[in-house]
């Protein structure tokens, strides 16, 4: 059993359904301290037992943006400028995180917020953390 949460960018070009484990009533909301996330007011969440289905209406109107270690694609809508999710391919498998600020509704959902900073993390540690913590079931 899971809690389904819909979300997406402002214009609806990029949308997603996040299936969150029902036995996890609190959603961890990580506020990243990097410049990209601060400028986008992004707060990310993921769970190793969650799954994510992403729909993109017009792929030409999206831009996967890589920065820093260039190990993740932040999916930015070219039309409205919102980044609702990021993905990372590790060993042929797609992992993801979603921006909780792009959830359509949060009725019945509670959040715990933590500040995060991954500056200085080497690539192997970063990919290992993502393998453990990001959503392991992503369909794009």
N, C-alpha and C. Protein backbone atom coordinates (compact mmCIF):
# COMPACT_ATOMS: atom_id res chain seq x y z
N UNK A 1 0.85 -1.18 0.00
CA UNK A 1 0.00 0.00 0.00
C UNK A 1 0.89 1.24 0.00
N UNK A 2 0.46 2.27 -0.74
CA UNK A 2 1.26 3.48 -0.83
C UNK A 2 0.37 4.70 -0.92
N UNK A 3 0.98 5.83 -0.67
CA UNK A 3 0.34 7.12 -0.80
C UNK A 3 0.78 7.69 -2.15
N UNK A 4 -0.18 8.00 -3.03
CA UNK A 4 0.15 8.56 -4.34
C UNK A 4 0.11 10.08 -4.26
N UNK A 5 1.20 10.70 -4.68
CA UNK A 5 1.33 12.15 -4.67
C UNK A 5 1.62 12.60 -6.10
N UNK A 6 0.77 13.47 -6.62
CA UNK A 6 0.97 14.02 -7.96
C UNK A 6 1.75 15.32 -7.85
N UNK A 7 2.51 15.61 -8.88
CA UNK A 7 3.26 16.86 -8.90
C UNK A 7 3.70 17.19 -10.30
N UNK A 8 4.38 18.32 -10.43
CA UNK A 8 4.90 18.70 -11.74
C UNK A 8 5.30 20.15 -11.79
N UNK A 9 5.72 20.55 -12.96
CA UNK A 9 6.12 21.93 -13.16
C UNK A 9 4.88 22.83 -13.21
N UNK A 10 5.08 24.13 -13.28
CA UNK A 10 3.99 25.09 -13.24
C UNK A 10 3.05 24.97 -14.43
N UNK A 11 3.59 24.78 -15.63
CA UNK A 11 2.76 24.75 -16.84
C UNK A 11 2.20 23.36 -17.14
N UNK A 12 2.67 22.31 -16.44
CA UNK A 12 2.17 20.96 -16.66
C UNK A 12 2.90 20.18 -17.73
N UNK A 13 3.98 20.71 -18.27
CA UNK A 13 4.74 19.98 -19.28
C UNK A 13 5.43 18.75 -18.68
N UNK A 14 5.95 18.88 -17.46
CA UNK A 14 6.57 17.76 -16.74
C UNK A 14 5.69 17.45 -15.54
N UNK A 15 5.13 16.24 -15.49
CA UNK A 15 4.31 15.83 -14.35
C UNK A 15 4.81 14.49 -13.83
N UNK A 16 4.45 14.19 -12.59
CA UNK A 16 4.86 12.91 -12.02
C UNK A 16 3.83 12.40 -11.03
N UNK A 17 3.87 11.10 -10.81
CA UNK A 17 3.16 10.43 -9.73
C UNK A 17 4.20 9.75 -8.87
N UNK A 18 4.23 10.13 -7.60
CA UNK A 18 5.14 9.55 -6.63
C UNK A 18 4.34 8.61 -5.75
N UNK A 19 4.71 7.34 -5.73
CA UNK A 19 4.09 6.38 -4.81
C UNK A 19 5.00 6.25 -3.60
N UNK A 20 4.52 6.83 -2.49
CA UNK A 20 5.28 6.91 -1.24
C UNK A 20 4.81 5.80 -0.32
N UNK A 21 5.72 5.13 0.40
CA UNK A 21 5.31 4.06 1.31
C UNK A 21 4.31 4.56 2.37
N UNK A 22 3.15 3.93 2.44
CA UNK A 22 2.09 4.36 3.36
C UNK A 22 2.51 4.24 4.82
N UNK A 23 3.46 3.35 5.12
CA UNK A 23 3.88 3.18 6.51
C UNK A 23 4.92 4.23 6.92
N UNK A 24 5.21 5.19 6.06
CA UNK A 24 6.14 6.29 6.34
C UNK A 24 5.36 7.60 6.33
N UNK A 25 4.70 7.95 7.43
CA UNK A 25 3.80 9.11 7.44
C UNK A 25 4.48 10.46 7.24
N UNK A 26 5.76 10.55 7.56
CA UNK A 26 6.48 11.81 7.41
C UNK A 26 7.36 11.73 6.15
N UNK A 27 7.33 12.80 5.39
CA UNK A 27 8.18 12.90 4.21
C UNK A 27 9.35 13.81 4.55
N UNK A 28 10.54 13.28 4.38
CA UNK A 28 11.74 14.07 4.61
C UNK A 28 11.93 15.08 3.50
N UNK A 29 12.08 16.32 3.88
CA UNK A 29 12.23 17.44 2.94
C UNK A 29 13.63 18.00 3.13
N UNK A 30 14.51 17.77 2.12
CA UNK A 30 15.90 18.19 2.23
C UNK A 30 16.10 19.50 1.47
N UNK A 31 16.50 20.52 2.20
CA UNK A 31 16.80 21.80 1.57
C UNK A 31 18.29 21.86 1.30
N UNK A 32 18.65 21.68 0.04
CA UNK A 32 20.05 21.66 -0.37
C UNK A 32 20.60 23.08 -0.34
N UNK A 33 21.83 23.21 0.06
CA UNK A 33 22.47 24.51 0.17
C UNK A 33 23.20 24.96 -1.09
N UNK A 34 23.18 24.16 -2.16
CA UNK A 34 23.90 24.58 -3.37
C UNK A 34 23.18 25.75 -4.04
N UNK A 35 23.90 26.46 -4.86
CA UNK A 35 23.36 27.66 -5.51
C UNK A 35 22.17 27.32 -6.40
N UNK A 36 22.24 26.23 -7.17
CA UNK A 36 21.14 25.85 -8.06
C UNK A 36 19.85 25.65 -7.26
N UNK A 37 19.92 24.86 -6.22
CA UNK A 37 18.72 24.56 -5.42
C UNK A 37 18.20 25.79 -4.69
N UNK A 38 19.10 26.60 -4.18
CA UNK A 38 18.66 27.84 -3.51
C UNK A 38 17.96 28.76 -4.49
N UNK A 39 18.51 28.92 -5.69
CA UNK A 39 17.90 29.81 -6.67
C UNK A 39 16.57 29.28 -7.19
N UNK A 40 16.39 27.97 -7.18
CA UNK A 40 15.13 27.37 -7.61
C UNK A 40 14.16 27.11 -6.45
N UNK A 41 14.60 27.45 -5.23
CA UNK A 41 13.78 27.20 -4.04
C UNK A 41 13.34 25.73 -3.97
N UNK A 42 14.26 24.85 -4.31
CA UNK A 42 13.97 23.42 -4.35
C UNK A 42 14.21 22.77 -3.00
N UNK A 43 13.36 21.85 -2.66
CA UNK A 43 13.50 21.00 -1.47
C UNK A 43 13.18 19.58 -1.93
N UNK A 44 14.12 18.70 -1.78
CA UNK A 44 14.06 17.38 -2.40
C UNK A 44 13.64 16.28 -1.43
N UNK A 45 13.00 15.26 -1.98
CA UNK A 45 12.69 14.08 -1.18
C UNK A 45 12.87 12.83 -2.03
N UNK A 46 13.09 11.75 -1.33
CA UNK A 46 13.19 10.43 -1.95
C UNK A 46 13.03 9.40 -0.85
N UNK A 47 12.76 8.19 -1.24
CA UNK A 47 12.67 7.07 -0.30
C UNK A 47 13.03 5.81 -1.06
N UNK A 48 13.82 4.95 -0.46
CA UNK A 48 14.28 3.72 -1.12
C UNK A 48 13.13 2.77 -1.44
N UNK A 49 11.95 2.94 -0.82
CA UNK A 49 10.80 2.08 -1.09
C UNK A 49 9.73 2.79 -1.91
N UNK A 50 10.04 3.96 -2.45
CA UNK A 50 9.09 4.71 -3.27
C UNK A 50 9.28 4.35 -4.74
N UNK A 51 8.31 4.75 -5.56
CA UNK A 51 8.44 4.62 -7.01
C UNK A 51 7.93 5.90 -7.65
N UNK A 52 8.40 6.15 -8.87
CA UNK A 52 8.13 7.42 -9.53
C UNK A 52 7.85 7.17 -11.01
N UNK A 53 6.73 7.74 -11.48
CA UNK A 53 6.40 7.72 -12.90
C UNK A 53 6.37 9.16 -13.37
N UNK A 54 7.16 9.46 -14.40
CA UNK A 54 7.30 10.82 -14.92
C UNK A 54 6.74 10.87 -16.34
N UNK A 55 5.97 11.92 -16.60
CA UNK A 55 5.44 12.15 -17.94
C UNK A 55 5.94 13.52 -18.43
N UNK A 56 6.41 13.55 -19.66
CA UNK A 56 6.85 14.80 -20.28
C UNK A 56 6.03 14.97 -21.56
N UNK A 57 5.23 16.01 -21.61
CA UNK A 57 4.37 16.24 -22.77
C UNK A 57 5.18 16.65 -24.00
N UNK A 58 6.13 17.55 -23.83
CA UNK A 58 6.92 18.05 -24.95
C UNK A 58 8.40 18.01 -24.53
N UNK A 59 9.08 16.94 -24.94
CA UNK A 59 10.48 16.74 -24.55
C UNK A 59 11.35 17.90 -25.04
N UNK A 60 11.03 18.46 -26.20
CA UNK A 60 11.81 19.58 -26.73
C UNK A 60 11.71 20.82 -25.84
N UNK A 61 10.69 20.85 -24.98
CA UNK A 61 10.49 21.99 -24.09
C UNK A 61 11.03 21.70 -22.68
N UNK A 62 11.96 20.74 -22.59
CA UNK A 62 12.62 20.44 -21.32
C UNK A 62 14.13 20.53 -21.52
N UNK A 63 14.82 20.69 -20.43
CA UNK A 63 16.27 20.77 -20.50
C UNK A 63 16.86 20.03 -19.31
N UNK A 64 17.53 18.89 -19.56
CA UNK A 64 18.24 18.26 -18.45
C UNK A 64 19.49 19.08 -18.16
N UNK A 65 19.62 19.54 -16.93
CA UNK A 65 20.72 20.42 -16.56
C UNK A 65 21.67 19.68 -15.63
N UNK A 66 22.95 19.67 -15.96
CA UNK A 66 23.98 19.04 -15.13
C UNK A 66 24.94 20.11 -14.67
N UNK A 67 25.37 19.99 -13.42
CA UNK A 67 26.38 20.91 -12.90
C UNK A 67 27.20 20.17 -11.87
N UNK A 68 28.19 20.81 -11.32
CA UNK A 68 29.03 20.18 -10.29
C UNK A 68 29.71 18.94 -10.82
N UNK A 69 29.38 17.80 -10.24
CA UNK A 69 30.00 16.53 -10.64
C UNK A 69 29.40 15.96 -11.92
N UNK A 70 28.36 16.58 -12.45
CA UNK A 70 27.68 16.16 -13.69
C UNK A 70 27.20 14.72 -13.60
N UNK A 71 26.71 14.31 -12.43
CA UNK A 71 26.24 12.94 -12.24
C UNK A 71 24.72 12.85 -12.13
N UNK A 72 24.02 13.98 -12.18
CA UNK A 72 22.56 13.98 -12.11
C UNK A 72 22.01 14.94 -13.15
N UNK A 73 20.85 14.59 -13.68
CA UNK A 73 20.12 15.47 -14.59
C UNK A 73 18.97 16.11 -13.83
N UNK A 74 19.00 17.42 -13.72
CA UNK A 74 17.90 18.17 -13.14
C UNK A 74 16.98 18.52 -14.31
N UNK A 75 15.77 18.00 -14.30
CA UNK A 75 14.85 18.16 -15.42
C UNK A 75 14.11 19.48 -15.25
N UNK A 76 14.48 20.44 -16.09
CA UNK A 76 13.95 21.80 -16.00
C UNK A 76 13.03 22.03 -17.19
N UNK A 77 11.85 22.55 -16.93
CA UNK A 77 10.92 22.90 -18.00
C UNK A 77 11.38 24.20 -18.64
N UNK A 78 11.58 24.20 -19.93
CA UNK A 78 12.02 25.40 -20.64
C UNK A 78 10.91 26.44 -20.73
N UNK A 79 9.68 26.00 -20.60
CA UNK A 79 8.55 26.93 -20.72
C UNK A 79 8.35 27.74 -19.44
N UNK A 80 8.29 27.05 -18.28
CA UNK A 80 7.99 27.76 -17.02
C UNK A 80 9.19 27.87 -16.09
N UNK A 81 10.28 27.14 -16.35
CA UNK A 81 11.50 27.26 -15.57
C UNK A 81 11.57 26.45 -14.30
N UNK A 82 10.57 25.61 -14.04
CA UNK A 82 10.53 24.82 -12.81
C UNK A 82 11.31 23.52 -12.99
N UNK A 83 12.01 23.11 -11.91
CA UNK A 83 12.74 21.84 -11.89
C UNK A 83 12.04 20.89 -10.91
N UNK A 84 11.10 20.06 -11.39
CA UNK A 84 10.35 19.19 -10.47
C UNK A 84 11.07 17.92 -10.04
N UNK A 85 12.14 17.52 -10.75
CA UNK A 85 12.81 16.28 -10.38
C UNK A 85 14.23 16.25 -10.91
N UNK A 86 14.98 15.33 -10.38
CA UNK A 86 16.33 15.05 -10.87
C UNK A 86 16.48 13.54 -10.94
N UNK A 87 17.27 13.09 -11.90
CA UNK A 87 17.53 11.66 -12.05
C UNK A 87 19.03 11.42 -12.16
N UNK A 88 19.42 10.20 -11.85
CA UNK A 88 20.83 9.81 -11.92
C UNK A 88 20.87 8.34 -12.32
N UNK A 89 21.64 8.03 -13.36
CA UNK A 89 21.79 6.64 -13.77
C UNK A 89 23.02 6.06 -13.09
N UNK A 90 22.80 4.95 -12.38
CA UNK A 90 23.88 4.26 -11.67
C UNK A 90 23.82 2.79 -12.07
N UNK A 91 24.89 2.29 -12.65
CA UNK A 91 24.98 0.90 -13.07
C UNK A 91 23.79 0.48 -13.93
N UNK A 92 23.39 1.36 -14.86
CA UNK A 92 22.30 1.05 -15.78
C UNK A 92 20.91 1.18 -15.21
N UNK A 93 20.79 1.67 -13.99
CA UNK A 93 19.49 1.83 -13.33
C UNK A 93 19.24 3.30 -13.06
N UNK A 94 18.01 3.76 -13.28
CA UNK A 94 17.66 5.15 -13.09
C UNK A 94 17.10 5.38 -11.69
N UNK A 95 17.71 6.31 -10.95
CA UNK A 95 17.28 6.71 -9.62
C UNK A 95 16.78 8.15 -9.70
N UNK A 96 15.93 8.57 -8.75
CA UNK A 96 15.42 9.93 -8.82
C UNK A 96 15.08 10.53 -7.47
N UNK A 97 14.91 11.85 -7.51
CA UNK A 97 14.40 12.64 -6.38
C UNK A 97 13.37 13.61 -6.95
N UNK A 98 12.45 14.04 -6.09
CA UNK A 98 11.43 15.00 -6.53
C UNK A 98 11.47 16.22 -5.62
N UNK A 99 11.09 17.34 -6.20
CA UNK A 99 11.03 18.61 -5.49
C UNK A 99 9.66 18.71 -4.81
N UNK A 100 9.63 18.68 -3.48
CA UNK A 100 8.35 18.69 -2.77
C UNK A 100 7.58 19.99 -3.00
N UNK A 101 8.26 21.04 -3.41
CA UNK A 101 7.58 22.29 -3.71
C UNK A 101 6.78 22.22 -5.00
N UNK A 102 6.88 21.09 -5.71
CA UNK A 102 6.10 20.91 -6.94
C UNK A 102 4.95 19.92 -6.74
N UNK A 103 4.70 19.49 -5.51
CA UNK A 103 3.55 18.62 -5.23
C UNK A 103 2.27 19.39 -5.51
N UNK A 104 1.28 18.73 -6.10
CA UNK A 104 -0.01 19.37 -6.40
C UNK A 104 -0.84 19.57 -5.14
N UNK A 105 -0.82 18.61 -4.26
CA UNK A 105 -1.60 18.71 -3.02
C UNK A 105 -0.83 17.99 -1.92
N UNK A 106 -0.94 18.51 -0.73
CA UNK A 106 -0.24 17.87 0.39
C UNK A 106 -1.19 17.55 1.53
N UNK A 107 -2.47 17.39 1.22
CA UNK A 107 -3.44 17.01 2.24
C UNK A 107 -3.03 15.67 2.85
N UNK A 108 -2.97 15.61 4.15
CA UNK A 108 -2.63 14.38 4.85
C UNK A 108 -1.15 14.05 4.84
N UNK A 109 -0.34 14.95 4.33
CA UNK A 109 1.11 14.72 4.27
C UNK A 109 1.78 15.64 5.26
N UNK A 110 2.72 15.11 6.02
CA UNK A 110 3.51 15.97 6.90
C UNK A 110 4.98 15.84 6.54
N UNK A 111 5.72 16.90 6.77
CA UNK A 111 7.11 16.96 6.37
C UNK A 111 8.02 17.18 7.56
N UNK A 112 9.22 16.64 7.46
CA UNK A 112 10.31 17.00 8.35
C UNK A 112 11.36 17.63 7.46
N UNK A 113 11.87 18.78 7.86
CA UNK A 113 12.80 19.52 7.02
C UNK A 113 14.19 19.50 7.63
N UNK A 114 15.17 19.20 6.78
CA UNK A 114 16.57 19.26 7.19
C UNK A 114 17.36 20.02 6.13
N UNK A 115 18.36 20.72 6.57
CA UNK A 115 19.28 21.39 5.65
C UNK A 115 20.36 20.38 5.26
N UNK A 116 20.75 20.39 4.00
CA UNK A 116 21.79 19.48 3.53
C UNK A 116 22.83 20.27 2.75
N UNK A 117 24.02 19.71 2.72
CA UNK A 117 25.11 20.31 1.95
C UNK A 117 26.03 19.18 1.52
N UNK A 118 26.12 18.98 0.22
CA UNK A 118 26.94 17.89 -0.31
C UNK A 118 28.22 18.39 -0.97
N UNK A 119 28.54 19.65 -0.75
CA UNK A 119 29.78 20.20 -1.30
C UNK A 119 30.96 19.41 -0.75
N UNK A 120 31.91 19.12 -1.59
CA UNK A 120 33.10 18.39 -1.16
C UNK A 120 32.94 16.89 -1.19
N UNK A 121 31.75 16.39 -1.46
CA UNK A 121 31.53 14.94 -1.52
C UNK A 121 32.14 14.43 -2.82
N UNK A 122 32.93 13.36 -2.74
CA UNK A 122 33.51 12.84 -3.97
C UNK A 122 32.46 12.04 -4.76
N UNK A 123 32.75 11.77 -6.02
CA UNK A 123 31.77 11.15 -6.91
C UNK A 123 31.34 9.77 -6.41
N UNK A 124 32.28 8.94 -5.96
CA UNK A 124 31.92 7.59 -5.48
C UNK A 124 30.99 7.66 -4.27
N UNK A 125 31.29 8.54 -3.33
CA UNK A 125 30.42 8.70 -2.15
C UNK A 125 29.04 9.22 -2.56
N UNK A 126 29.02 10.14 -3.50
CA UNK A 126 27.75 10.72 -3.97
C UNK A 126 26.88 9.66 -4.62
N UNK A 127 27.46 8.87 -5.50
CA UNK A 127 26.69 7.82 -6.17
C UNK A 127 26.24 6.75 -5.18
N UNK A 128 27.09 6.42 -4.21
CA UNK A 128 26.70 5.46 -3.18
C UNK A 128 25.53 5.96 -2.35
N UNK A 129 25.55 7.24 -1.98
CA UNK A 129 24.44 7.84 -1.21
C UNK A 129 23.16 7.80 -2.03
N UNK A 130 23.27 8.13 -3.30
CA UNK A 130 22.08 8.11 -4.15
C UNK A 130 21.54 6.69 -4.31
N UNK A 131 22.41 5.73 -4.48
CA UNK A 131 22.00 4.33 -4.62
C UNK A 131 21.22 3.88 -3.37
N UNK A 132 21.65 4.34 -2.21
CA UNK A 132 20.98 3.96 -0.95
C UNK A 132 19.69 4.74 -0.70
N UNK A 133 19.65 6.02 -1.09
CA UNK A 133 18.58 6.90 -0.62
C UNK A 133 17.60 7.40 -1.68
N UNK A 134 18.00 7.44 -2.92
CA UNK A 134 17.11 7.98 -3.95
C UNK A 134 16.06 6.93 -4.32
N UNK A 135 15.04 7.36 -5.03
CA UNK A 135 13.95 6.48 -5.48
C UNK A 135 14.53 5.53 -6.52
N UNK A 136 14.48 4.21 -6.25
CA UNK A 136 15.13 3.25 -7.16
C UNK A 136 14.25 2.79 -8.33
N UNK A 137 12.99 3.16 -8.30
CA UNK A 137 12.07 2.73 -9.35
C UNK A 137 11.54 3.97 -10.05
N UNK A 138 12.17 4.34 -11.17
CA UNK A 138 11.81 5.55 -11.90
C UNK A 138 11.49 5.16 -13.34
N UNK A 139 10.31 5.55 -13.77
CA UNK A 139 9.92 5.34 -15.17
C UNK A 139 9.74 6.72 -15.80
N UNK A 140 10.56 7.00 -16.80
CA UNK A 140 10.57 8.33 -17.44
C UNK A 140 10.09 8.20 -18.86
